[in-house]
Amino acid sequence: MTDKTYKPNPVDTTDIQLPEELVQLTEPLARHVHEVWSKWRIAEGWKYGLKRNDELKETPCLVPYDELEEGEKEYDRKTALETLKYILSLGYNIVR
């Protein structure tokens, strides 16, 4: 039997410094991440609920980004920030 313990191994982006114009992309990108996530959830039959319930496919996160709890927004911001840093770590340039 194989050991199924998952050990995440993301690229270390701690040394990647984002230019200010890319840091400013974090919030709009986080908002977009939430919009895409919400669209997928709704397409899968999920709906708004006061508490997350996987059996009923309900989640309190199916609200506009501005109505999310700060912790949920922060999760999306971290995802956006790490995505930008990862792109730069691969040697790409992001230009307007």
C-alpha atoms as a PDB file:
ATOM      1  CA  MET A   1       0.000   0.000   0.000  1.00  0.00           C
ATOM      2  CA  THR A   2       1.235   3.470  -0.889  1.00  0.00           C
ATOM      3  CA  ASP A   3       1.619   6.226   1.690  1.00  0.00           C
ATOM      4  CA  LYS A   4      -1.043   8.767   0.753  1.00  0.00           C
ATOM      5  CA  THR A   5       0.245  11.553   2.968  1.00  0.00           C
ATOM      6  CA  TYR A   6       0.241  14.665   0.835  1.00  0.00           C
ATOM      7  CA  LYS A   7       3.225  16.936   1.354  1.00  0.00           C
ATOM      8  CA  PRO A   8       2.775  20.257  -0.483  1.00  0.00           C
ATOM      9  CA  ASN A   9       5.952  21.533  -2.094  1.00  0.00           C
ATOM     10  CA  PRO A  10       5.256  24.945  -3.624  1.00  0.00           C
ATOM     11  CA  VAL A  11       8.015  26.970  -5.248  1.00  0.00           C
ATOM     12  CA  ASP A  12       9.681  29.186  -2.645  1.00  0.00           C
ATOM     13  CA  THR A  13       8.770  32.729  -3.642  1.00  0.00           C
ATOM     14  CA  THR A  14       9.921  34.464  -0.460  1.00  0.00           C
ATOM     15  CA  ASP A  15      12.787  36.184  -2.307  1.00  0.00           C
ATOM     16  CA  ILE A  16      10.552  37.477  -5.106  1.00  0.00           C
ATOM     17  CA  GLN A  17       9.894  41.191  -4.754  1.00  0.00           C
ATOM     18  CA  LEU A  18       6.911  42.478  -6.686  1.00  0.00           C
ATOM     19  CA  PRO A  19       7.079  45.964  -8.176  1.00  0.00           C
ATOM     20  CA  GLU A  20       4.430  48.271  -6.695  1.00  0.00           C
ATOM     21  CA  GLU A  21       2.299  48.214  -9.860  1.00  0.00           C
ATOM     22  CA  LEU A  22       1.996  44.425  -9.499  1.00  0.00           C
ATOM     23  CA  VAL A  23       1.261  44.659  -5.775  1.00  0.00           C
ATOM     24  CA  GLN A  24      -1.636  46.906  -6.776  1.00  0.00           C
ATOM     25  CA  LEU A  25      -2.985  44.050  -8.930  1.00  0.00           C
ATOM     26  CA  THR A  26      -3.433  41.851  -5.866  1.00  0.00           C
ATOM     27  CA  GLU A  27      -6.889  43.128  -4.887  1.00  0.00           C
ATOM     28  CA  PRO A  28      -8.447  43.096  -8.386  1.00  0.00           C
ATOM     29  CA  LEU A  29      -6.947  39.658  -9.009  1.00  0.00           C
ATOM     30  CA  ALA A  30      -8.296  38.399  -5.663  1.00  0.00           C
ATOM     31  CA  ARG A  31     -11.735  39.735  -6.604  1.00  0.00           C
ATOM     32  CA  HIS A  32     -11.524  37.891  -9.932  1.00  0.00           C
ATOM     33  CA  VAL A  33     -10.411  34.664  -8.214  1.00  0.00           C
ATOM     34  CA  HIS A  34     -13.532  34.869  -6.048  1.00  0.00           C
ATOM     35  CA  GLU A  35     -15.784  35.570  -9.044  1.00  0.00           C
ATOM     36  CA  VAL A  36     -14.405  32.565 -10.949  1.00  0.00           C
ATOM     37  CA  TRP A  37     -14.688  30.328  -7.861  1.00  0.00           C
ATOM     38  CA  SER A  38     -18.283  31.482  -7.315  1.00  0.00           C
ATOM     39  CA  LYS A  39     -19.239  30.848 -10.931  1.00  0.00           C
ATOM     40  CA  TRP A  40     -17.838  27.291 -10.755  1.00  0.00           C
ATOM     41  CA  ARG A  41     -19.593  26.589  -7.459  1.00  0.00           C
ATOM     42  CA  ILE A  42     -22.941  27.805  -8.770  1.00  0.00           C
ATOM     43  CA  ALA A  43     -22.482  25.711 -11.931  1.00  0.00           C
ATOM     44  CA  GLU A  44     -21.893  22.693  -9.655  1.00  0.00           C
ATOM     45  CA  GLY A  45     -25.212  23.333  -7.894  1.00  0.00           C
ATOM     46  CA  TRP A  46     -23.946  25.151  -4.806  1.00  0.00           C
ATOM     47  CA  LYS A  47     -26.003  27.923  -3.221  1.00  0.00           C
ATOM     48  CA  TYR A  48     -25.692  30.391  -0.395  1.00  0.00           C
ATOM     49  CA  GLY A  49     -26.118  29.055   3.132  1.00  0.00           C
ATOM     50  CA  LEU A  50     -25.367  30.449   6.579  1.00  0.00           C
ATOM     51  CA  LYS A  51     -22.921  27.600   7.244  1.00  0.00           C
ATOM     52  CA  ARG A  52     -20.936  25.389   4.891  1.00  0.00           C
ATOM     53  CA  ASN A  53     -22.726  22.122   4.265  1.00  0.00           C
ATOM     54  CA  ASP A  54     -21.173  19.848   1.649  1.00  0.00           C
ATOM     55  CA  GLU A  55     -24.164  17.500   1.511  1.00  0.00           C
ATOM     56  CA  LEU A  56     -26.581  20.335   0.751  1.00  0.00           C
ATOM     57  CA  LYS A  57     -23.978  22.208  -1.317  1.00  0.00           C
ATOM     58  CA  GLU A  58     -24.346  25.371   0.734  1.00  0.00           C
ATOM     59  CA  THR A  59     -21.654  27.905   1.588  1.00  0.00           C
ATOM     60  CA  PRO A  60     -21.658  31.361   3.169  1.00  0.00           C
ATOM     61  CA  CYS A  61     -18.991  32.412   0.656  1.00  0.00           C
ATOM     62  CA  LEU A  62     -21.396  32.692  -2.287  1.00  0.00           C
ATOM     63  CA  VAL A  63     -21.674  36.447  -1.888  1.00  0.00           C
ATOM     64  CA  PRO A  64     -20.078  39.359  -3.740  1.00  0.00           C
ATOM     65  CA  TYR A  65     -16.401  39.837  -2.876  1.00  0.00           C
ATOM     66  CA  ASP A  66     -17.114  43.024  -0.918  1.00  0.00           C
ATOM     67  CA  GLU A  67     -19.422  41.053   1.389  1.00  0.00           C
ATOM     68  CA  LEU A  68     -16.922  38.290   2.177  1.00  0.00           C
ATOM     69  CA  GLU A  69     -15.504  38.050   5.661  1.00  0.00           C
ATOM     70  CA  GLU A  70     -12.006  39.532   5.852  1.00  0.00           C
ATOM     71  CA  GLY A  71     -10.432  36.092   6.371  1.00  0.00           C
ATOM     72  CA  GLU A  72     -11.887  34.844   3.084  1.00  0.00           C
ATOM     73  CA  LYS A  73     -10.687  37.956   1.262  1.00  0.00           C
ATOM     74  CA  GLU A  74      -7.224  37.443   2.725  1.00  0.00           C
ATOM     75  CA  TYR A  75      -7.169  33.866   1.399  1.00  0.00           C
ATOM     76  CA  ASP A  76      -7.952  35.162  -2.112  1.00  0.00           C
ATOM     77  CA  ARG A  77      -5.336  37.932  -1.753  1.00  0.00           C
ATOM     78  CA  LYS A  78      -2.651  35.423  -0.768  1.00  0.00           C
ATOM     79  CA  THR A  79      -3.574  33.247  -3.742  1.00  0.00           C
ATOM     80  CA  ALA A  80      -3.338  36.254  -6.069  1.00  0.00           C
ATOM     81  CA  LEU A  81      -0.051  37.468  -4.586  1.00  0.00           C
ATOM     82  CA  GLU A  82       1.580  34.033  -4.751  1.00  0.00           C
ATOM     83  CA  THR A  83       0.391  33.582  -8.333  1.00  0.00           C
ATOM     84  CA  LEU A  84       2.026  36.844  -9.372  1.00  0.00           C
ATOM     85  CA  LYS A  85       5.242  35.942  -7.542  1.00  0.00           C
ATOM     86  CA  TYR A  86       5.282  32.470  -9.108  1.00  0.00           C
ATOM     87  CA  ILE A  87       4.936  33.918 -12.618  1.00  0.00           C
ATOM     88  CA  LEU A  88       7.939  36.161 -11.956  1.00  0.00           C
ATOM     89  CA  SER A  89       9.909  33.264 -10.433  1.00  0.00           C
ATOM     90  CA  LEU A  90       9.531  31.431 -13.751  1.00  0.00           C
ATOM     91  CA  GLY A  91      11.308  34.302 -15.493  1.00  0.00           C
ATOM     92  CA  TYR A  92       8.282  35.978 -17.039  1.00  0.00           C
ATOM     93  CA  ASN A  93       7.757  39.722 -17.083  1.00  0.00           C
ATOM     94  CA  ILE A  94       4.337  41.203 -16.556  1.00  0.00           C
ATOM     95  CA  VAL A  95       3.940  44.443 -18.452  1.00  0.00           C
ATOM     96  CA  ARG A  96       0.972  46.694 -19.002  1.00  0.00           C
END
